Protein backbone atom coordinates (compact mmCIF):
# COMPACT_ATOMS: atom_id res chain seq x y z
CA MET A 1 -4.92 37.71 78.36
CA LYS A 2 -8.78 35.52 79.52
CA LYS A 3 -10.58 39.22 78.79
CA LEU A 4 -8.01 38.98 75.02
CA THR A 5 -9.41 35.34 74.38
CA VAL A 6 -13.20 36.56 75.36
CA LEU A 7 -13.17 39.62 73.08
CA PHE A 8 -11.09 37.33 70.11
CA ALA A 9 -14.58 35.20 70.36
CA ILE A 10 -16.56 37.91 70.37
CA LEU A 11 -15.04 38.95 67.46
CA LEU A 12 -15.24 35.87 65.92
CA SER A 13 -18.20 34.66 66.11
CA ALA A 14 -18.95 38.88 65.20
CA VAL A 15 -17.29 37.42 61.79
CA PHE A 16 -19.59 34.57 61.33
CA ALA A 17 -22.20 36.08 61.76
CA PHE A 18 -21.73 38.91 59.18
CA GLU A 19 -20.23 35.96 56.47
CA ALA A 20 -23.82 34.41 57.53
CA SER A 21 -25.78 37.27 56.58
CA ALA A 22 -23.99 38.45 53.33
CA ALA A 23 -24.90 34.63 51.95
CA THR A 24 -27.11 35.30 49.03
CA THR A 25 -30.39 33.15 49.13
CA ILE A 26 -31.66 31.61 45.89
CA SER A 27 -34.72 31.14 45.55
CA LEU A 28 -36.68 27.82 44.06
CA TRP A 29 -39.91 26.67 43.16
CA HIS A 30 -40.80 23.18 41.93
CA SER A 31 -43.74 21.22 41.82
CA TYR A 32 -42.28 17.83 42.91
CA ARG A 33 -44.37 15.05 44.93
CA ALA A 34 -43.68 12.01 46.47
CA GLN A 35 -39.99 10.82 45.79
CA GLU A 36 -38.64 13.65 43.89
CA LYS A 37 -39.44 16.12 46.12
CA LYS A 38 -37.62 13.70 48.96
CA ALA A 39 -34.90 13.32 46.66
CA ILE A 40 -35.03 17.56 45.57
CA GLU A 41 -35.30 18.52 49.35
CA GLY A 42 -31.84 15.83 50.26
CA VAL A 43 -29.72 17.98 47.84
CA VAL A 44 -30.81 21.77 48.76
CA GLU A 45 -30.39 20.37 53.04
CA LYS A 46 -26.75 19.35 51.77
CA TYR A 47 -25.83 21.85 49.78
CA ASN A 48 -27.40 24.33 52.74
CA ALA A 49 -25.53 22.77 55.15
CA LYS A 50 -22.48 23.11 53.82
CA GLY A 51 -22.40 27.01 54.90
CA GLY A 52 -21.50 28.37 51.78
CA GLN A 53 -22.09 32.11 50.09
CA ILE A 54 -25.15 30.93 48.09
CA GLN A 55 -28.11 29.52 49.76
CA ILE A 56 -31.17 27.88 48.28
CA LYS A 57 -34.63 28.68 49.48
CA LEU A 58 -37.11 25.69 48.08
CA LEU A 59 -40.78 26.31 47.31
CA TYR A 60 -42.97 23.44 46.19
CA VAL A 61 -45.88 25.01 44.06
CA PRO A 62 -48.76 22.36 42.76
CA TYR A 63 -48.22 21.95 39.01
CA ASP A 64 -51.63 23.11 37.95
CA ALA A 65 -50.98 26.41 39.36
CA PHE A 66 -47.37 26.47 38.28
CA PRO A 67 -47.36 28.64 35.04
CA ASP A 68 -50.12 30.77 36.39
CA LYS A 69 -48.03 31.70 39.24
CA ILE A 70 -44.60 32.06 37.22
CA THR A 71 -46.60 34.56 34.68
CA ALA A 72 -48.53 36.72 37.19
CA ALA A 73 -45.53 36.50 39.81
CA VAL A 74 -42.77 37.54 37.78
CA PRO A 75 -43.11 40.41 35.63
CA ARG A 76 -43.74 41.75 39.34
CA GLY A 77 -41.02 41.09 41.00
CA LYS A 78 -42.70 38.19 43.46
CA GLY A 79 -41.18 35.41 41.60
CA PRO A 80 -38.04 33.10 42.08
CA ASP A 81 -35.01 33.22 41.07
CA LEU A 82 -34.88 29.96 39.33
CA PHE A 83 -38.16 27.66 38.96
CA ILE A 84 -38.33 23.63 37.17
CA PHE A 85 -40.52 23.51 34.58
CA ALA A 86 -41.07 21.81 31.04
CA GLN A 87 -40.63 23.72 27.60
CA ASP A 88 -43.73 23.57 26.65
CA ARG A 89 -43.65 27.36 28.20
CA VAL A 90 -40.35 28.59 26.90
CA GLY A 91 -41.69 30.17 23.74
CA ASP A 92 -43.98 31.76 25.50
CA TRP A 93 -42.01 33.36 28.70
CA ALA A 94 -39.24 34.70 26.45
CA VAL A 95 -41.08 36.46 23.80
CA SER A 96 -42.55 38.28 27.04
CA GLU A 97 -38.80 38.68 29.28
CA PHE A 98 -39.96 37.03 31.80
CA ILE A 99 -36.89 34.14 31.09
CA GLU A 100 -33.36 34.83 31.34
CA PRO A 101 -31.65 33.14 27.92
CA LEU A 102 -28.56 31.41 29.40
CA ASP A 103 -26.27 31.82 26.57
CA PHE A 104 -24.06 34.23 28.19
CA TRP A 105 -22.83 31.54 31.03
CA LEU A 106 -23.28 28.29 28.69
CA THR A 107 -19.84 26.54 27.98
CA ASP A 108 -19.87 24.20 25.48
CA GLU A 109 -18.55 21.32 28.03
CA LEU A 110 -21.55 21.92 30.09
CA ARG A 111 -24.63 21.81 27.06
CA ASP A 112 -22.29 18.71 26.12
CA SER A 113 -22.81 17.06 29.23
CA PHE A 114 -26.59 16.58 28.73
CA LEU A 115 -28.40 13.76 26.50
CA GLU A 116 -29.60 14.87 23.40
CA PRO A 117 -32.30 16.37 22.04
CA THR A 118 -32.86 17.48 25.73
CA VAL A 119 -31.21 20.86 25.14
CA GLU A 120 -32.83 21.34 22.19
CA ALA A 121 -35.73 21.42 23.37
CA LEU A 122 -35.49 23.89 25.80
CA THR A 123 -34.18 26.21 22.82
CA TYR A 124 -36.07 29.06 21.79
CA ASP A 125 -35.05 31.53 18.85
CA ASP A 126 -31.47 29.75 18.54
CA SER A 127 -30.89 31.28 23.05
CA VAL A 128 -31.24 28.51 25.31
CA TYR A 129 -33.30 28.91 28.41
CA GLY A 130 -32.97 26.52 30.76
CA LEU A 131 -30.65 23.59 31.98
CA PRO A 132 -32.13 20.12 31.47
CA MET A 133 -32.61 18.37 34.53
CA THR A 134 -34.89 14.92 33.77
CA PHE A 135 -37.07 14.53 30.04
CA LYS A 136 -40.27 12.51 29.29
CA MET A 137 -41.91 10.90 27.46
CA VAL A 138 -43.93 7.90 27.00
CA ALA A 139 -43.04 4.26 25.95
CA LEU A 140 -44.70 0.88 26.10
CA PHE A 141 -45.52 -1.12 30.04
CA TYR A 142 -46.72 -4.52 30.30
CA ASN A 143 -47.71 -7.08 32.60
CA LYS A 144 -44.85 -9.51 32.23
CA LYS A 145 -47.56 -12.23 32.89
CA LEU A 146 -49.16 -11.87 29.93
CA VAL A 147 -46.80 -10.28 27.46
CA LYS A 148 -43.60 -12.20 27.31
CA ALA A 149 -41.76 -10.59 25.50
CA PRO A 150 -42.76 -6.79 23.89
CA PRO A 151 -44.17 -6.27 20.21
CA LYS A 152 -41.56 -4.82 17.29
CA THR A 153 -43.93 -3.49 15.39
CA THR A 154 -47.41 -2.10 15.83
CA ASP A 155 -48.62 -5.52 13.64
CA GLU A 156 -47.52 -7.39 16.83
CA LEU A 157 -48.63 -4.94 18.45
CA ILE A 158 -52.23 -5.42 17.58
CA ALA A 159 -51.89 -9.48 17.26
CA THR A 160 -50.95 -9.56 20.95
CA ALA A 161 -53.23 -7.05 22.10
CA LYS A 162 -56.16 -9.21 19.88
CA LYS A 163 -55.01 -12.34 21.97
CA LEU A 164 -55.28 -10.44 25.45
CA THR A 165 -58.64 -9.04 24.68
CA ASP A 166 -62.06 -10.29 26.32
CA PRO A 167 -64.37 -7.02 26.63
CA SER A 168 -67.03 -9.23 28.49
CA GLN A 169 -64.31 -9.86 31.30
CA LYS A 170 -63.68 -6.52 30.92
CA ARG A 171 -60.14 -7.53 29.72
CA TYR A 172 -57.81 -5.41 27.03
CA GLY A 173 -54.49 -5.63 25.20
CA LEU A 174 -54.13 -2.10 25.56
CA VAL A 175 -55.42 0.94 27.11
CA TYR A 176 -53.78 4.48 26.78
CA GLU A 177 -55.02 8.22 26.71
CA ASN A 178 -56.35 6.63 22.77
CA ALA A 179 -58.04 10.41 22.68
CA ASN A 180 -55.67 12.80 24.07
CA PHE A 181 -53.63 14.11 21.33
CA TYR A 182 -50.55 14.22 23.95
CA TYR A 183 -50.06 10.34 23.40
CA GLN A 184 -51.56 10.74 19.67
CA GLY A 185 -47.93 12.54 19.80
CA ALA A 186 -46.05 8.68 19.16
CA TRP A 187 -47.92 7.69 16.01
CA PHE A 188 -48.56 11.25 14.70
CA GLN A 189 -44.50 11.66 14.78
CA GLY A 190 -44.21 8.31 13.53
CA TYR A 191 -46.14 8.84 10.71
CA GLY A 192 -43.64 11.87 9.85
CA ALA A 193 -46.59 14.63 10.36
CA LYS A 194 -45.17 17.82 12.39
CA VAL A 195 -47.23 19.85 14.44
CA PHE A 196 -45.70 23.12 12.78
CA ASP A 197 -43.88 23.98 9.20
CA LYS A 198 -40.40 25.97 9.95
CA LYS A 199 -42.44 28.99 8.90
CA GLY A 200 -44.79 28.14 12.06
CA ARG A 201 -48.23 27.84 10.30
CA PRO A 202 -49.89 24.74 11.56
CA LEU A 203 -50.22 21.59 9.63
CA LEU A 204 -52.74 19.34 11.74
CA ALA A 205 -54.41 18.40 8.46
CA SER A 206 -51.47 17.08 6.46
CA LYS A 207 -51.87 13.49 5.07
CA GLU A 208 -48.91 12.42 7.98
CA SER A 209 -51.51 13.31 10.12
CA ILE A 210 -54.80 12.11 8.66
CA ALA A 211 -52.90 9.02 8.70
CA SER A 212 -52.03 8.27 11.96
CA LEU A 213 -55.36 9.25 13.36
CA THR A 214 -56.52 7.03 10.89
CA PHE A 215 -54.64 4.34 13.06
CA ALA A 216 -55.36 5.64 16.21
CA GLN A 217 -59.29 4.90 15.34
CA GLU A 218 -58.52 1.50 13.70
CA LEU A 219 -56.73 0.66 17.31
CA ALA A 220 -60.10 1.66 19.12
CA ARG A 221 -62.93 1.07 16.56
CA LYS A 222 -61.93 -1.25 14.53
CA HIS A 223 -59.28 -3.55 16.15
CA ARG A 224 -61.27 -2.92 19.73
CA ILE A 225 -58.13 -4.03 21.70
CA MET A 226 -59.02 -0.94 24.31
CA PRO A 227 -61.99 0.53 26.49
CA GLU A 228 -63.98 2.89 25.54
CA GLU A 229 -63.62 7.03 26.74
CA ILE A 230 -60.30 5.83 28.24
CA SER A 231 -58.57 7.93 31.54
CA SER A 232 -55.63 8.32 33.19
CA VAL A 233 -57.33 6.30 36.20
CA LEU A 234 -59.11 3.82 33.59
CA VAL A 235 -55.22 2.97 32.57
CA SER A 236 -53.99 2.44 36.18
CA THR A 237 -56.98 0.87 37.28
CA LEU A 238 -56.81 -1.66 34.89
CA PHE A 239 -53.58 -2.28 34.70
CA ASN A 240 -52.74 -2.84 38.18
CA ASN A 241 -55.69 -5.71 37.85
CA GLY A 242 -54.03 -7.37 35.34
CA GLN A 243 -57.05 -6.70 33.35
CA ALA A 244 -54.73 -4.57 30.50
CA ALA A 245 -51.89 -6.56 29.26
CA MET A 246 -50.17 -3.10 28.01
CA ALA A 247 -50.23 0.48 28.80
CA ILE A 248 -48.16 3.46 26.82
CA ASP A 249 -47.40 5.86 29.43
CA GLY A 250 -44.78 7.86 31.04
CA PRO A 251 -41.97 7.42 33.98
CA TRP A 252 -44.63 9.65 36.00
CA PHE A 253 -47.11 5.85 35.48
CA ILE A 254 -44.64 4.10 38.02
CA GLY A 255 -45.74 5.88 40.50
CA SER A 256 -49.31 3.75 40.05
CA ILE A 257 -48.31 0.62 39.12
CA ASP A 258 -49.14 -1.54 42.84
CA LYS A 259 -46.18 -2.85 43.84
CA GLY A 260 -47.52 -6.31 43.14
CA VAL A 261 -47.51 -6.02 39.49
CA ASP A 262 -44.57 -7.27 37.71
CA PHE A 263 -43.60 -5.45 34.76
CA GLY A 264 -41.62 -3.80 31.90
CA VAL A 265 -40.85 -1.66 29.84
CA ALA A 266 -40.04 -1.28 25.92
CA VAL A 267 -39.30 1.12 23.36
CA LEU A 268 -42.47 1.90 21.41
CA PRO A 269 -42.97 -0.40 18.31
CA GLU A 270 -41.85 0.38 14.65
CA ILE A 271 -45.19 1.60 12.81
CA SER A 272 -45.57 -1.19 10.30
CA ALA A 273 -46.96 1.31 7.77
CA THR A 274 -44.06 3.42 7.82
CA GLY A 275 -40.98 1.66 8.54
CA LYS A 276 -40.41 4.22 11.37
CA PRO A 277 -40.69 4.12 15.03
CA ALA A 278 -43.58 5.11 17.05
CA THR A 279 -41.79 8.63 18.28
CA PRO A 280 -43.72 10.38 21.19
CA PHE A 281 -42.95 14.00 22.39
CA LEU A 282 -40.22 14.83 24.49
CA THR A 283 -40.33 16.74 27.30
CA SER A 284 -37.10 18.51 28.45
CA GLU A 285 -38.45 20.16 32.25
CA GLY A 286 -35.37 22.07 33.04
CA ILE A 287 -34.25 24.43 35.42
CA ILE A 288 -35.07 27.89 34.24
CA MET A 289 -33.62 31.55 35.82
CA SER A 290 -36.23 34.20 35.83
CA ALA A 291 -34.74 38.04 33.95
CA ARG A 292 -36.09 39.13 37.23
CA SER A 293 -34.12 37.71 39.68
CA GLU A 294 -31.10 40.19 41.52
CA HIS A 295 -28.51 37.77 41.68
CA LYS A 296 -28.15 36.04 38.07
CA LYS A 297 -24.29 35.18 38.79
CA GLU A 298 -25.78 32.89 41.63
CA ALA A 299 -28.77 31.43 40.28
CA PHE A 300 -26.80 30.07 37.85
CA GLU A 301 -23.90 28.91 40.10
CA VAL A 302 -27.37 26.72 41.58
CA MET A 303 -28.53 25.70 38.49
CA LYS A 304 -25.23 24.34 38.11
CA TYR A 305 -25.73 22.05 40.93
CA MET A 306 -28.93 21.31 40.15
CA THR A 307 -27.71 19.47 37.08
CA SER A 308 -24.78 18.05 37.97
CA VAL A 309 -23.80 14.28 38.66
CA GLU A 310 -24.05 14.19 42.03
CA VAL A 311 -27.71 15.89 42.56
CA GLY A 312 -28.66 13.82 39.08
CA SER A 313 -27.56 10.28 40.47
CA VAL A 314 -29.70 11.70 43.52
CA MET A 315 -32.97 12.50 41.65
CA ALA A 316 -32.52 8.99 39.85
CA LYS A 317 -31.69 6.86 42.55
CA VAL A 318 -34.23 8.52 45.00
CA GLY A 319 -36.51 10.18 42.91
CA ARG A 320 -36.75 7.53 39.97
CA GLN A 321 -36.12 10.44 37.16
CA THR A 322 -35.07 9.88 34.12
CA VAL A 323 -32.33 12.85 34.32
CA ALA A 324 -30.47 14.33 30.94
CA ARG A 325 -27.37 14.33 32.62
CA ARG A 326 -25.30 11.96 30.25
CA GLU A 327 -22.95 10.83 33.21
CA VAL A 328 -25.32 9.79 35.48
CA TYR A 329 -26.22 6.58 33.34
CA ASP A 330 -22.26 5.91 33.80
CA ASP A 331 -23.18 5.33 37.83
CA PRO A 332 -24.06 1.53 37.48
CA GLU A 333 -27.08 1.55 39.87
CA VAL A 334 -28.34 3.69 37.28
CA GLY A 335 -27.39 2.43 34.04
CA ASN A 336 -28.00 -1.09 34.82
CA ASP A 337 -31.77 -0.04 36.13
CA PRO A 338 -34.38 -1.14 33.46
CA VAL A 339 -36.90 1.17 33.00
CA LEU A 340 -34.53 3.83 33.52
CA THR A 341 -32.13 3.03 30.48
CA THR A 342 -35.61 1.70 28.97
CA PHE A 343 -36.55 5.67 28.65
CA ARG A 344 -33.59 6.65 27.55
CA ALA A 345 -33.47 4.26 24.61
CA GLN A 346 -36.98 6.14 23.76
CA LEU A 347 -35.18 9.04 23.97
CA LYS A 348 -33.58 8.58 20.59
CA ASN A 349 -37.18 7.75 19.09
CA SER A 350 -38.44 11.02 20.35
CA LYS A 351 -38.86 14.33 19.17
CA PRO A 352 -38.86 17.50 21.49
CA MET A 353 -42.43 19.16 22.17
CA PRO A 354 -42.85 22.31 19.91
CA ASN A 355 -42.23 24.99 22.61
CA MET A 356 -43.69 28.35 20.57
CA PRO A 357 -46.14 30.03 21.63
CA ALA A 358 -48.80 29.31 19.22
CA MET A 359 -48.69 25.56 20.58
CA ARG A 360 -50.51 26.43 23.28
CA MET A 361 -53.47 27.20 20.68
CA VAL A 362 -53.16 23.29 19.01
CA TRP A 363 -54.31 21.12 21.91
CA SER A 364 -57.68 22.03 22.63
CA PRO A 365 -58.46 21.81 19.07
CA ALA A 366 -56.36 18.54 18.54
CA THR A 367 -57.69 16.98 21.37
CA THR A 368 -61.74 18.12 20.54
CA ALA A 369 -60.82 16.07 17.36
CA MET A 370 -59.51 13.08 19.10
CA ASN A 371 -62.60 12.33 20.62
CA LYS A 372 -64.66 13.16 18.02
CA VAL A 373 -62.33 10.50 16.25
CA ILE A 374 -61.94 7.88 18.83
CA ASN A 375 -65.18 8.04 20.96
CA GLY A 376 -67.56 9.68 17.90
CA GLY A 377 -66.46 7.73 14.35
CA VAL A 378 -66.16 11.19 12.81
CA ALA A 379 -64.02 10.32 9.95
CA PRO A 380 -59.66 11.79 10.47
CA ASP A 381 -60.12 14.11 7.73
CA ALA A 382 -62.61 16.20 8.40
CA ALA A 383 -62.57 16.43 12.88
CA MET A 384 -58.65 17.46 11.63
CA GLY A 385 -59.84 19.93 8.84
CA THR A 386 -61.89 21.74 11.53
CA ALA A 387 -59.19 21.42 14.46
CA GLN A 388 -56.64 23.38 11.13
CA GLN A 389 -58.71 25.63 10.76
CA GLU A 390 -59.51 27.00 13.96
CA VAL A 391 -56.07 26.66 15.07
CA VAL A 392 -55.07 29.38 12.31
CA GLN A 393 -57.65 31.48 13.59
CA LEU A 394 -56.25 31.09 16.96
CA VAL A 395 -52.82 32.60 16.15
CA LYS A 396 -53.80 35.05 13.82
CA ARG A 397 -55.47 36.50 16.85
CA ALA A 398 -52.97 35.88 19.27
CA ARG A 399 -50.32 37.50 16.85
CA LYS A 400 -52.83 41.02 16.70
């Protein structure tokens, strides 16, 4: 009898060992750091601890190297099953057939569980290529000791900033990376400008684009409410030292703010010249499936878990992320968070950054033009006219 009991125990152990060895491992790459990294590691550890038939293998890849690593590894079958990245490369990777469309698995119920327009941002050529985890855009940060109520219009913004600017003391009313086209997006789209028309042709030299850049030039050179040649480091330094009353930045800026700074976040103001809200570029960061994954069914199960309410709550509370899952904001701790709810409000006044392959050809010419306008005093129409021509030529070469 004792021998039978021992034999049974051995057989049972063998069964468990077989089940463990039969589990499917899904590799997941990410570039999260600090609290975000702590949050994602926690939810993956919890998932794996359940001992299910799917296990997640998490790998950190530095953000700067991430897109090149995906582009190089996936075609050779050496990449991950899943990875987390923003929508700006979706068009490139979809055309190259590096990533898997999700239409076969994506139900209307799951699609509707995400805040609009985060799914739209991850859609290319009418196919969805990722489930949104977070959304990001810029908003208005302000020092509560200096600004009692955030401005509602750009006229108020300028007036408030002027009162709080004293260049001799290196004090400024407003700071942001004003020569960076990404940050210009808020004025650009607020003035009604578009990067491309419906046929994918660049529109950088449109009258709306010129008007938005003229406004940005006036902020810097006419109203003189900010320092010259602003970098991200200077923005955080001045804001932390109480030398900048307001800053335009994204949710990532929160990690750069010193604990002693009493700050608030508000939606960007209405543009007085147009009567329309400043409308920044929306970035939707999604979990994306490799087209080379050999375990697509299991990979999609992991995608659903990583975008679930359970995981979203952790990513919001621990990672301080602006998560895309709608129901997460029903949690009072998240729904009453003034920073997270402000970015959710800003989401309504934002538009997805174009994810077509041609968008990659826009950044360098547009940012060069902005440097000429903001730091060099070049006329906006001349600078953007040159940028328009450069982008047109770059797109033509790429299509050949």
